[in-house]
Amino acid sequence: AKAFEAGVFAPVVAAVGEALEKYVRAERPVVADAGCGEGYYLRSVCPERDMIRIGFDLSKEAVLLAAKGDRRSTYFVGDLANIPLADGCCYAQFGRILKKDGVLIKLAPRPGYLRQLREAAGGRLAAYDGAPVSDYAHVHLNVLEQRTITYTMPVSGALALHLAKMTPMLANIDADSLDLSGVTEITVDETMIVGAIKREEES
């Protein structure tokens, strides 16, 4: 997708890569991307590292695109609530498939995420609040690290429209109907939470 090629999310990939290098010690780790979309994160993170890369998403179209553009990874259509992987979402599902020393890396939008697009949509969208995701993570995970990834970068009109079309945030809005003429930059504002699943014997 154009937004990924243009590097809009490159700093997020870098942060995820740093977390993998820091917390995942296995020689050939299994990395599963739940809700992988077109596979950008899975194919871009730690490109030099030998990893077993598995991605799944509910969107058949996205999975087909991902598989077409990435020969190193395995992609399939799957539901986050019933991950079709062997025992090892909702956190209970991740707890089921993660190895004992495995880590979960969760990205959650913060209030500033793509705010320029939200403002262009006027009052049709509620503000993002990532706090519930963070609170939930702290209950269910032993949080190893929590980082805020916030930056703003310039975008062309075509890229702004592409972002409006690809973000689930605007899924119920016709992006072509938006006046994006004033959107010359875009803000990415996310929380990255790295944690180990709390096992039942620990709680």
N, C-alpha and C. Protein backbone atom coordinates (compact mmCIF):
# COMPACT_ATOMS: atom_id res chain seq x y z
N ALA A 1 0.85 -1.19 0.00
CA ALA A 1 0.00 0.00 0.00
C ALA A 1 0.88 1.24 0.00
N LYS A 2 0.39 2.29 -0.65
CA LYS A 2 1.20 3.50 -0.84
C LYS A 2 1.69 4.10 0.48
N ALA A 3 0.82 4.10 1.50
CA ALA A 3 1.19 4.72 2.77
C ALA A 3 2.39 4.03 3.38
N PHE A 4 2.44 2.70 3.24
CA PHE A 4 3.55 1.95 3.80
C PHE A 4 4.82 2.21 2.98
N GLU A 5 4.66 2.19 1.65
CA GLU A 5 5.82 2.44 0.78
C GLU A 5 6.40 3.83 1.03
N ALA A 6 5.53 4.78 1.35
CA ALA A 6 5.98 6.17 1.58
C ALA A 6 6.64 6.33 2.95
N GLY A 7 6.64 5.26 3.74
CA GLY A 7 7.33 5.31 5.03
C GLY A 7 6.55 5.94 6.16
N VAL A 8 5.22 6.10 5.98
CA VAL A 8 4.41 6.74 7.03
C VAL A 8 4.53 5.98 8.35
N PHE A 9 4.61 4.65 8.28
CA PHE A 9 4.63 3.86 9.52
C PHE A 9 6.01 3.26 9.82
N ALA A 10 7.04 3.74 9.11
CA ALA A 10 8.39 3.20 9.32
C ALA A 10 8.88 3.31 10.77
N PRO A 11 8.64 4.45 11.47
CA PRO A 11 9.09 4.52 12.87
C PRO A 11 8.39 3.50 13.77
N VAL A 12 7.15 3.12 13.43
CA VAL A 12 6.43 2.12 14.23
C VAL A 12 7.09 0.75 14.01
N VAL A 13 7.41 0.44 12.76
CA VAL A 13 8.12 -0.81 12.46
C VAL A 13 9.44 -0.86 13.21
N ALA A 14 10.16 0.25 13.23
CA ALA A 14 11.45 0.31 13.93
C ALA A 14 11.28 0.00 15.42
N ALA A 15 10.22 0.56 16.03
CA ALA A 15 9.97 0.34 17.46
C ALA A 15 9.63 -1.13 17.73
N VAL A 16 8.81 -1.72 16.87
CA VAL A 16 8.46 -3.14 17.03
C VAL A 16 9.72 -4.00 16.86
N GLY A 17 10.55 -3.64 15.88
CA GLY A 17 11.80 -4.38 15.66
C GLY A 17 12.72 -4.32 16.86
N GLU A 18 12.82 -3.14 17.47
CA GLU A 18 13.65 -2.99 18.67
C GLU A 18 13.14 -3.87 19.81
N ALA A 19 11.81 -3.93 19.95
CA ALA A 19 11.22 -4.76 21.01
C ALA A 19 11.50 -6.24 20.75
N LEU A 20 11.41 -6.65 19.49
CA LEU A 20 11.71 -8.05 19.15
C LEU A 20 13.16 -8.39 19.46
N GLU A 21 14.07 -7.48 19.09
CA GLU A 21 15.49 -7.74 19.34
C GLU A 21 15.79 -7.81 20.84
N LYS A 22 15.09 -6.99 21.60
CA LYS A 22 15.36 -6.88 23.04
C LYS A 22 14.76 -8.05 23.84
N TYR A 23 13.55 -8.46 23.47
CA TYR A 23 12.83 -9.40 24.34
C TYR A 23 12.69 -10.81 23.77
N VAL A 24 12.96 -10.99 22.48
CA VAL A 24 12.79 -12.32 21.89
C VAL A 24 14.16 -12.89 21.58
N ARG A 25 14.57 -13.83 22.41
CA ARG A 25 15.95 -14.34 22.35
C ARG A 25 16.09 -15.58 21.47
N ALA A 26 15.00 -16.26 21.17
CA ALA A 26 15.07 -17.53 20.44
C ALA A 26 15.86 -17.35 19.14
N GLU A 27 16.57 -18.41 18.76
CA GLU A 27 17.41 -18.33 17.57
C GLU A 27 16.56 -18.14 16.31
N ARG A 28 15.45 -18.87 16.25
CA ARG A 28 14.55 -18.74 15.09
C ARG A 28 13.12 -18.60 15.62
N PRO A 29 12.78 -17.40 16.11
CA PRO A 29 11.49 -17.24 16.77
C PRO A 29 10.31 -17.33 15.79
N VAL A 30 9.18 -17.72 16.33
CA VAL A 30 7.93 -17.68 15.57
C VAL A 30 7.27 -16.34 15.88
N VAL A 31 7.00 -15.57 14.84
CA VAL A 31 6.34 -14.27 15.02
C VAL A 31 4.99 -14.32 14.31
N ALA A 32 3.92 -14.14 15.07
CA ALA A 32 2.57 -14.15 14.50
C ALA A 32 2.01 -12.73 14.54
N ASP A 33 1.49 -12.28 13.41
CA ASP A 33 0.88 -10.94 13.31
C ASP A 33 -0.63 -11.13 13.20
N ALA A 34 -1.32 -10.79 14.29
CA ALA A 34 -2.78 -10.93 14.34
C ALA A 34 -3.41 -9.67 13.78
N GLY A 35 -4.17 -9.82 12.70
CA GLY A 35 -4.72 -8.65 12.02
C GLY A 35 -3.63 -8.04 11.15
N CYS A 36 -3.03 -8.89 10.30
CA CYS A 36 -1.81 -8.50 9.56
C CYS A 36 -2.09 -7.57 8.39
N GLY A 37 -3.36 -7.43 7.98
CA GLY A 37 -3.65 -6.60 6.81
C GLY A 37 -2.88 -7.09 5.60
N GLU A 38 -2.24 -6.17 4.89
CA GLU A 38 -1.52 -6.54 3.68
C GLU A 38 -0.09 -7.00 3.97
N GLY A 39 0.23 -7.26 5.25
CA GLY A 39 1.49 -7.89 5.60
C GLY A 39 2.68 -6.97 5.77
N TYR A 40 2.42 -5.66 5.81
CA TYR A 40 3.53 -4.70 5.85
C TYR A 40 4.44 -4.91 7.06
N TYR A 41 3.87 -5.02 8.25
CA TYR A 41 4.70 -5.14 9.46
C TYR A 41 5.47 -6.46 9.45
N LEU A 42 4.79 -7.53 9.08
CA LEU A 42 5.42 -8.85 9.13
C LEU A 42 6.61 -8.94 8.18
N ARG A 43 6.48 -8.37 6.99
CA ARG A 43 7.59 -8.47 6.04
C ARG A 43 8.67 -7.42 6.30
N SER A 44 8.31 -6.34 7.04
CA SER A 44 9.26 -5.23 7.21
C SER A 44 10.08 -5.31 8.49
N VAL A 45 9.55 -6.00 9.50
CA VAL A 45 10.22 -5.97 10.81
C VAL A 45 11.42 -6.92 10.80
N CYS A 46 12.54 -6.45 11.32
CA CYS A 46 13.77 -7.25 11.41
C CYS A 46 14.04 -8.04 10.12
N PRO A 47 14.20 -7.34 8.99
CA PRO A 47 14.30 -8.06 7.71
C PRO A 47 15.46 -9.05 7.63
N GLU A 48 16.54 -8.77 8.39
CA GLU A 48 17.71 -9.65 8.31
C GLU A 48 17.59 -10.87 9.22
N ARG A 49 16.62 -10.84 10.14
CA ARG A 49 16.56 -11.91 11.14
C ARG A 49 15.78 -13.11 10.63
N ASP A 50 16.30 -14.29 10.94
CA ASP A 50 15.64 -15.53 10.53
C ASP A 50 14.49 -15.80 11.51
N MET A 51 13.27 -15.61 11.04
CA MET A 51 12.09 -15.81 11.89
C MET A 51 11.04 -16.59 11.10
N ILE A 52 10.28 -17.38 11.80
CA ILE A 52 9.11 -18.02 11.17
C ILE A 52 7.97 -17.01 11.29
N ARG A 53 7.56 -16.47 10.16
CA ARG A 53 6.60 -15.36 10.13
C ARG A 53 5.23 -15.87 9.71
N ILE A 54 4.24 -15.63 10.58
CA ILE A 54 2.87 -16.08 10.32
C ILE A 54 1.94 -14.89 10.48
N GLY A 55 1.10 -14.65 9.47
CA GLY A 55 0.15 -13.54 9.56
C GLY A 55 -1.26 -14.00 9.26
N PHE A 56 -2.23 -13.44 9.96
CA PHE A 56 -3.62 -13.75 9.62
C PHE A 56 -4.50 -12.52 9.80
N ASP A 57 -5.58 -12.52 9.05
CA ASP A 57 -6.49 -11.38 9.05
C ASP A 57 -7.86 -11.89 8.61
N LEU A 58 -8.90 -11.18 9.02
CA LEU A 58 -10.26 -11.56 8.61
C LEU A 58 -10.51 -11.25 7.14
N SER A 59 -9.76 -10.31 6.58
CA SER A 59 -9.99 -9.88 5.20
C SER A 59 -9.26 -10.81 4.22
N LYS A 60 -10.04 -11.53 3.44
CA LYS A 60 -9.47 -12.44 2.44
C LYS A 60 -8.64 -11.67 1.42
N GLU A 61 -9.14 -10.48 1.01
CA GLU A 61 -8.44 -9.66 0.02
C GLU A 61 -7.06 -9.25 0.53
N ALA A 62 -7.03 -8.81 1.81
CA ALA A 62 -5.75 -8.38 2.40
C ALA A 62 -4.77 -9.55 2.47
N VAL A 63 -5.26 -10.71 2.86
CA VAL A 63 -4.40 -11.89 2.99
C VAL A 63 -3.83 -12.30 1.63
N LEU A 64 -4.67 -12.24 0.59
CA LEU A 64 -4.19 -12.56 -0.76
C LEU A 64 -3.09 -11.60 -1.20
N LEU A 65 -3.29 -10.30 -0.92
CA LEU A 65 -2.28 -9.29 -1.25
C LEU A 65 -0.99 -9.55 -0.48
N ALA A 66 -1.14 -9.87 0.80
CA ALA A 66 0.03 -10.12 1.64
C ALA A 66 0.83 -11.30 1.11
N ALA A 67 0.14 -12.37 0.81
CA ALA A 67 0.80 -13.60 0.35
C ALA A 67 1.51 -13.37 -0.98
N LYS A 68 0.89 -12.54 -1.83
CA LYS A 68 1.45 -12.25 -3.14
C LYS A 68 2.75 -11.45 -3.03
N GLY A 69 2.79 -10.55 -2.03
CA GLY A 69 3.93 -9.66 -1.90
C GLY A 69 5.02 -10.13 -0.96
N ASP A 70 4.87 -11.34 -0.40
CA ASP A 70 5.81 -11.77 0.63
C ASP A 70 5.94 -13.29 0.62
N ARG A 71 7.04 -13.76 0.07
CA ARG A 71 7.23 -15.22 -0.04
C ARG A 71 7.80 -15.83 1.25
N ARG A 72 8.33 -15.00 2.14
CA ARG A 72 8.99 -15.54 3.33
C ARG A 72 8.00 -15.91 4.43
N SER A 73 6.80 -15.34 4.37
CA SER A 73 5.84 -15.51 5.46
C SER A 73 4.69 -16.41 5.03
N THR A 74 3.98 -16.93 6.01
CA THR A 74 2.78 -17.74 5.76
C THR A 74 1.57 -16.93 6.19
N TYR A 75 0.58 -16.82 5.30
CA TYR A 75 -0.62 -16.03 5.60
C TYR A 75 -1.87 -16.88 5.49
N PHE A 76 -2.83 -16.59 6.35
CA PHE A 76 -4.13 -17.25 6.21
C PHE A 76 -5.24 -16.36 6.74
N VAL A 77 -6.46 -16.68 6.36
CA VAL A 77 -7.63 -15.94 6.84
C VAL A 77 -7.99 -16.52 8.20
N GLY A 78 -8.10 -15.67 9.20
CA GLY A 78 -8.39 -16.16 10.55
C GLY A 78 -8.98 -15.06 11.41
N ASP A 79 -9.62 -15.47 12.48
CA ASP A 79 -10.32 -14.57 13.38
C ASP A 79 -9.54 -14.44 14.69
N LEU A 80 -9.34 -13.21 15.11
CA LEU A 80 -8.60 -12.93 16.33
C LEU A 80 -9.23 -13.61 17.55
N ALA A 81 -10.56 -13.77 17.53
CA ALA A 81 -11.25 -14.37 18.68
C ALA A 81 -11.11 -15.88 18.71
N ASN A 82 -10.63 -16.46 17.60
CA ASN A 82 -10.49 -17.92 17.55
C ASN A 82 -9.30 -18.25 16.67
N ILE A 83 -8.10 -17.96 17.19
CA ILE A 83 -6.88 -18.07 16.39
C ILE A 83 -6.64 -19.53 16.00
N PRO A 84 -6.59 -19.80 14.67
CA PRO A 84 -6.40 -21.19 14.25
C PRO A 84 -4.94 -21.63 14.29
N LEU A 85 -4.34 -21.49 15.45
CA LEU A 85 -2.98 -21.98 15.67
C LEU A 85 -3.02 -22.91 16.88
N ALA A 86 -2.08 -23.84 16.92
CA ALA A 86 -2.06 -24.80 18.04
C ALA A 86 -1.82 -24.10 19.36
N ASP A 87 -2.22 -24.77 20.46
CA ASP A 87 -2.02 -24.22 21.80
C ASP A 87 -0.53 -23.98 22.05
N GLY A 88 0.00 -23.26 22.77
CA GLY A 88 1.45 -23.01 22.98
C GLY A 88 1.95 -22.98 24.34
N CYS A 89 -8.29 -14.55 20.89
CA CYS A 89 -7.43 -13.49 21.32
C CYS A 89 -8.29 -12.61 22.08
N CYS A 90 -8.41 -11.51 22.19
CA CYS A 90 -8.53 -11.48 23.62
C CYS A 90 -7.20 -12.07 24.14
N TYR A 91 -6.82 -11.69 25.31
CA TYR A 91 -5.52 -12.12 25.82
C TYR A 91 -5.51 -13.61 26.11
N ALA A 92 -6.68 -14.18 26.41
CA ALA A 92 -6.75 -15.62 26.67
C ALA A 92 -6.30 -16.38 25.43
N GLN A 93 -6.69 -15.92 24.24
CA GLN A 93 -6.27 -16.58 23.00
C GLN A 93 -4.77 -16.45 22.81
N PHE A 94 -4.23 -15.27 23.08
CA PHE A 94 -2.78 -15.11 22.95
C PHE A 94 -2.06 -15.97 23.97
N GLY A 95 -2.61 -16.03 25.17
CA GLY A 95 -2.02 -16.86 26.21
C GLY A 95 -1.98 -18.33 25.80
N ARG A 96 -2.99 -18.73 25.03
CA ARG A 96 -3.07 -20.11 24.57
C ARG A 96 -1.97 -20.42 23.55
N ILE A 97 -1.70 -19.48 22.63
CA ILE A 97 -0.75 -19.81 21.55
C ILE A 97 0.69 -19.38 21.85
N LEU A 98 0.86 -18.46 22.79
CA LEU A 98 2.24 -18.00 23.08
C LEU A 98 3.02 -19.06 23.84
N LYS A 99 4.31 -19.17 23.50
CA LYS A 99 5.19 -20.03 24.28
C LYS A 99 5.34 -19.42 25.68
N LYS A 100 5.80 -20.24 26.61
CA LYS A 100 5.91 -19.76 28.00
C LYS A 100 6.74 -18.48 28.13
N ASP A 101 7.80 -18.39 27.32
CA ASP A 101 8.64 -17.20 27.40
C ASP A 101 8.33 -16.22 26.26
N GLY A 102 7.18 -16.41 25.60
CA GLY A 102 6.82 -15.56 24.48
C GLY A 102 6.35 -14.18 24.93
N VAL A 103 6.43 -13.22 24.04
CA VAL A 103 5.96 -11.87 24.37
C VAL A 103 4.89 -11.43 23.37
N LEU A 104 4.02 -10.58 23.86
CA LEU A 104 2.98 -9.98 23.04
C LEU A 104 3.34 -8.51 22.84
N ILE A 105 3.34 -8.07 21.59
CA ILE A 105 3.58 -6.65 21.28
C ILE A 105 2.28 -6.09 20.74
N LYS A 106 1.70 -5.16 21.48
CA LYS A 106 0.38 -4.62 21.12
C LYS A 106 0.52 -3.14 20.77
N LEU A 107 0.00 -2.76 19.60
CA LEU A 107 -0.03 -1.36 19.21
C LEU A 107 -1.45 -0.85 19.39
N ALA A 108 -1.60 0.25 20.09
CA ALA A 108 -2.93 0.83 20.32
C ALA A 108 -2.90 2.30 19.95
N PRO A 109 -3.89 2.76 19.15
CA PRO A 109 -3.93 4.18 18.79
C PRO A 109 -4.14 5.06 20.00
N ARG A 110 -3.51 6.23 20.00
CA ARG A 110 -3.72 7.25 21.02
C ARG A 110 -4.60 8.36 20.43
N PRO A 111 -5.03 9.33 21.27
CA PRO A 111 -5.98 10.35 20.78
C PRO A 111 -5.54 11.12 19.54
N GLY A 112 -4.22 11.28 19.33
CA GLY A 112 -3.77 12.05 18.18
C GLY A 112 -3.66 11.27 16.87
N TYR A 113 -3.96 9.96 16.92
CA TYR A 113 -3.74 9.10 15.76
C TYR A 113 -4.56 9.56 14.55
N LEU A 114 -3.87 9.90 13.45
CA LEU A 114 -4.50 10.37 12.21
C LEU A 114 -5.54 11.46 12.48
N ARG A 115 -5.23 12.35 13.42
CA ARG A 115 -6.24 13.32 13.85
C ARG A 115 -6.65 14.25 12.72
N GLN A 116 -5.75 14.49 11.77
CA GLN A 116 -6.09 15.38 10.65
C GLN A 116 -7.23 14.77 9.81
N LEU A 117 -7.22 13.45 9.66
CA LEU A 117 -8.30 12.79 8.91
C LEU A 117 -9.60 12.82 9.71
N ARG A 118 -9.45 12.64 11.03
CA ARG A 118 -10.65 12.66 11.88
C ARG A 118 -11.29 14.04 11.84
N GLU A 119 -10.44 15.08 11.86
CA GLU A 119 -10.96 16.45 11.81
C GLU A 119 -11.65 16.71 10.47
N ALA A 120 -11.11 16.16 9.38
CA ALA A 120 -11.73 16.33 8.06
C ALA A 120 -13.10 15.65 7.99
N ALA A 121 -13.27 14.61 8.81
CA ALA A 121 -14.57 13.91 8.84
C ALA A 121 -15.56 14.62 9.75
N GLY A 122 -15.13 15.70 10.38
CA GLY A 122 -16.02 16.50 11.23
C GLY A 122 -16.48 15.73 12.45
N GLY A 123 -17.73 15.93 12.80
CA GLY A 123 -18.24 15.31 14.03
C GLY A 123 -18.70 13.88 13.85
N ARG A 124 -18.35 13.27 12.71
CA ARG A 124 -18.86 11.91 12.45
C ARG A 124 -18.06 10.83 13.17
N LEU A 125 -16.95 11.23 13.77
CA LEU A 125 -16.11 10.23 14.44
C LEU A 125 -15.82 10.64 15.87
N ALA A 126 -15.90 9.68 16.75
CA ALA A 126 -15.53 9.94 18.15
C ALA A 126 -14.01 9.95 18.25
N ALA A 127 -13.50 10.64 19.26
CA ALA A 127 -12.05 10.68 19.48
C ALA A 127 -11.59 9.29 19.93
N TYR A 128 -10.36 8.97 19.55
CA TYR A 128 -9.76 7.72 19.98
C TYR A 128 -9.35 7.81 21.44
N ASP A 129 -9.54 6.75 22.17
CA ASP A 129 -9.04 6.71 23.54
C ASP A 129 -8.38 5.35 23.75
N GLY A 130 -7.06 5.36 23.78
CA GLY A 130 -6.32 4.11 23.93
C GLY A 130 -6.20 3.64 25.37
N ALA A 131 -6.68 4.45 26.33
CA ALA A 131 -6.50 4.12 27.75
C ALA A 131 -7.09 2.75 28.13
N PRO A 132 -8.31 2.40 27.65
CA PRO A 132 -8.85 1.08 28.02
C PRO A 132 -7.96 -0.07 27.58
N VAL A 133 -7.32 0.05 26.40
CA VAL A 133 -6.42 -1.01 25.93
C VAL A 133 -5.24 -1.12 26.88
N SER A 134 -4.68 0.03 27.26
CA SER A 134 -3.54 0.04 28.16
C SER A 134 -3.91 -0.54 29.52
N ASP A 135 -5.05 -0.11 30.05
CA ASP A 135 -5.50 -0.62 31.36
C ASP A 135 -5.69 -2.13 31.32
N TYR A 136 -6.32 -2.60 30.25
CA TYR A 136 -6.59 -4.03 30.10
C TYR A 136 -5.28 -4.82 30.03
N ALA A 137 -4.33 -4.26 29.28
CA ALA A 137 -3.03 -4.92 29.13
C ALA A 137 -2.33 -5.06 30.48
N HIS A 138 -2.43 -4.02 31.32
CA HIS A 138 -1.75 -4.07 32.61
C HIS A 138 -2.37 -5.10 33.56
N VAL A 139 -3.63 -5.42 33.33
CA VAL A 139 -4.30 -6.45 34.14
C VAL A 139 -3.86 -7.84 33.68
N HIS A 140 -3.77 -8.03 32.36
CA HIS A 140 -3.57 -9.37 31.80
C HIS A 140 -2.12 -9.69 31.45
N LEU A 141 -1.27 -8.69 31.46
CA LEU A 141 0.13 -8.90 31.07
C LEU A 141 1.08 -8.48 32.18
N ASN A 142 2.24 -9.12 32.20
CA ASN A 142 3.35 -8.56 32.94
C ASN A 142 4.03 -7.61 31.96
N VAL A 143 3.76 -6.31 32.10
CA VAL A 143 4.23 -5.34 31.11
C VAL A 143 5.74 -5.13 31.26
N LEU A 144 6.45 -5.40 30.18
CA LEU A 144 7.91 -5.25 30.17
C LEU A 144 8.31 -3.85 29.73
N GLU A 145 7.48 -3.28 28.86
CA GLU A 145 7.79 -1.95 28.34
C GLU A 145 6.53 -1.33 27.77
N GLN A 146 6.38 -0.03 27.98
CA GLN A 146 5.30 0.71 27.34
C GLN A 146 5.90 1.98 26.76
N ARG A 147 5.67 2.18 25.47
CA ARG A 147 6.31 3.30 24.79
C ARG A 147 5.28 4.07 23.97
N THR A 148 5.42 5.38 23.97
CA THR A 148 4.57 6.22 23.12
C THR A 148 5.34 6.53 21.84
N ILE A 149 4.71 6.26 20.70
CA ILE A 149 5.32 6.55 19.40
C ILE A 149 4.48 7.67 18.77
N THR A 150 5.01 8.87 18.74
CA THR A 150 4.27 10.02 18.21
C THR A 150 5.15 10.83 17.28
N TYR A 151 4.65 11.07 16.08
CA TYR A 151 5.38 11.91 15.13
C TYR A 151 4.40 12.41 14.07
N THR A 152 4.80 13.49 13.40
CA THR A 152 4.00 14.07 12.33
C THR A 152 4.85 14.16 11.08
N MET A 153 4.29 13.78 9.95
CA MET A 153 5.06 13.86 8.72
C MET A 153 4.22 14.44 7.58
N PRO A 154 4.87 15.13 6.62
CA PRO A 154 4.11 15.72 5.51
C PRO A 154 3.54 14.64 4.59
N VAL A 155 2.36 14.91 4.03
CA VAL A 155 1.77 13.98 3.06
C VAL A 155 1.22 14.77 1.88
N SER A 156 1.19 14.12 0.73
CA SER A 156 0.55 14.70 -0.45
C SER A 156 -0.96 14.48 -0.34
N GLY A 157 -1.71 15.17 -1.19
CA GLY A 157 -3.16 14.98 -1.21
C GLY A 157 -3.53 13.54 -1.53
N ALA A 158 -2.80 12.93 -2.47
CA ALA A 158 -3.08 11.54 -2.87
C ALA A 158 -2.83 10.59 -1.71
N LEU A 159 -1.75 10.85 -0.96
CA LEU A 159 -1.41 9.98 0.17
C LEU A 159 -2.43 10.14 1.30
N ALA A 160 -2.89 11.36 1.54
CA ALA A 160 -3.92 11.60 2.56
C ALA A 160 -5.19 10.83 2.21
N LEU A 161 -5.58 10.85 0.94
CA LEU A 161 -6.78 10.12 0.51
C LEU A 161 -6.57 8.62 0.67
N HIS A 162 -5.38 8.15 0.32
CA HIS A 162 -5.08 6.72 0.46
C HIS A 162 -5.18 6.28 1.92
N LEU A 163 -4.62 7.10 2.82
CA LEU A 163 -4.70 6.79 4.25
C LEU A 163 -6.15 6.78 4.73
N ALA A 164 -6.95 7.73 4.25
CA ALA A 164 -8.36 7.80 4.63
C ALA A 164 -9.10 6.54 4.20
N LYS A 165 -8.70 6.01 3.04
CA LYS A 165 -9.37 4.81 2.52
C LYS A 165 -8.92 3.54 3.24
N MET A 166 -7.67 3.53 3.74
CA MET A 166 -7.15 2.28 4.31
C MET A 166 -7.38 2.16 5.82
N THR A 167 -7.61 3.26 6.51
CA THR A 167 -7.72 3.14 7.97
C THR A 167 -9.10 2.63 8.39
N PRO A 168 -9.14 1.63 9.28
CA PRO A 168 -10.42 1.13 9.77
C PRO A 168 -11.22 2.21 10.50
N MET A 169 -10.50 3.24 10.97
CA MET A 169 -11.14 4.34 11.69
C MET A 169 -12.23 5.02 10.85
N LEU A 170 -12.01 5.04 9.52
CA LEU A 170 -12.97 5.70 8.63
C LEU A 170 -13.77 4.69 7.81
N ALA A 171 -13.86 3.46 8.33
CA ALA A 171 -14.49 2.38 7.56
C ALA A 171 -15.92 2.70 7.14
N ASN A 172 -16.65 3.45 7.95
CA ASN A 172 -18.06 3.72 7.64
C ASN A 172 -18.27 5.05 6.92
N ILE A 173 -17.19 5.65 6.49
CA ILE A 173 -17.28 6.97 5.83
C ILE A 173 -16.70 6.87 4.42
N ASP A 174 -17.38 7.45 3.46
CA ASP A 174 -16.88 7.46 2.09
C ASP A 174 -15.72 8.46 2.00
N ALA A 175 -14.52 7.94 1.89
CA ALA A 175 -13.33 8.80 1.91
C ALA A 175 -13.34 9.82 0.78
N ASP A 176 -13.91 9.44 -0.37
CA ASP A 176 -13.94 10.37 -1.51
C ASP A 176 -14.82 11.59 -1.24
N SER A 177 -15.70 11.48 -0.24
CA SER A 177 -16.60 12.61 0.07
C SER A 177 -15.95 13.62 1.02
N LEU A 178 -14.78 13.28 1.54
CA LEU A 178 -14.12 14.17 2.51
C LEU A 178 -13.36 15.29 1.79
N ASP A 179 -13.35 16.45 2.41
CA ASP A 179 -12.51 17.54 1.90
C ASP A 179 -11.15 17.43 2.59
N LEU A 180 -10.19 16.88 1.88
CA LEU A 180 -8.85 16.68 2.46
C LEU A 180 -7.87 17.73 1.97
N SER A 181 -8.38 18.79 1.34
CA SER A 181 -7.49 19.81 0.75
C SER A 181 -6.60 20.46 1.79
N GLY A 182 -7.07 20.53 3.04
CA GLY A 182 -6.27 21.16 4.09
C GLY A 182 -5.30 20.22 4.78
N VAL A 183 -5.33 18.94 4.40
CA VAL A 183 -4.48 17.95 5.07
C VAL A 183 -3.13 17.88 4.36
N THR A 184 -2.13 18.49 4.97
CA THR A 184 -0.78 18.50 4.37
C THR A 184 0.21 17.69 5.21
N GLU A 185 -0.23 17.26 6.37
CA GLU A 185 0.61 16.41 7.22
C GLU A 185 -0.28 15.44 7.97
N ILE A 186 0.33 14.41 8.49
CA ILE A 186 -0.43 13.38 9.19
C ILE A 186 0.30 13.05 10.49
N THR A 187 -0.46 12.83 11.54
CA THR A 187 0.12 12.48 12.83
C THR A 187 -0.11 11.00 13.11
N VAL A 188 0.96 10.32 13.46
CA VAL A 188 0.85 8.94 13.95
C VAL A 188 1.09 9.01 15.45
N ASP A 189 0.18 8.45 16.22
CA ASP A 189 0.22 8.57 17.69
C ASP A 189 -0.26 7.24 18.27
N GLU A 190 0.70 6.43 18.71
CA GLU A 190 0.34 5.09 19.19
C GLU A 190 1.08 4.75 20.47
N THR A 191 0.50 3.82 21.21
CA THR A 191 1.17 3.22 22.35
C THR A 191 1.62 1.83 21.95
N MET A 192 2.87 1.50 22.24
CA MET A 192 3.33 0.13 22.05
C MET A 192 3.52 -0.50 23.43
N ILE A 193 2.82 -1.60 23.65
CA ILE A 193 2.92 -2.31 24.92
C ILE A 193 3.58 -3.66 24.66
N VAL A 194 4.65 -3.95 25.38
CA VAL A 194 5.31 -5.25 25.27
C VAL A 194 5.11 -5.96 26.59
N GLY A 195 4.57 -7.18 26.51
CA GLY A 195 4.31 -7.87 27.77
C GLY A 195 4.34 -9.38 27.63
N ALA A 196 4.51 -10.03 28.77
CA ALA A 196 4.39 -11.48 28.84
C ALA A 196 3.03 -11.78 29.44
N ILE A 197 2.39 -12.83 28.95
CA ILE A 197 1.06 -13.20 29.45
C ILE A 197 1.18 -13.65 30.90
N LYS A 198 0.28 -13.17 31.74
CA LYS A 198 0.22 -13.67 33.12
C LYS A 198 -0.42 -15.07 33.08
N ARG A 199 0.32 -16.04 33.52
CA ARG A 199 -0.23 -17.41 33.56
C ARG A 199 -1.11 -17.55 34.78
N GLU A 200 -2.06 -18.50 34.72
CA GLU A 200 -3.04 -18.61 35.80
C GLU A 200 -2.41 -18.83 37.16
N GLU A 201 -1.30 -19.57 37.16
CA GLU A 201 -0.67 -19.84 38.46
C GLU A 201 -0.08 -18.58 39.08
N GLU A 202 0.09 -17.52 38.24
CA GLU A 202 0.69 -16.29 38.77
C GLU A 202 -0.38 -15.36 39.32
N SER A 203 -1.62 -15.50 38.82
CA SER A 203 -2.64 -14.50 39.18
C SER A 203 -3.29 -14.79 40.51
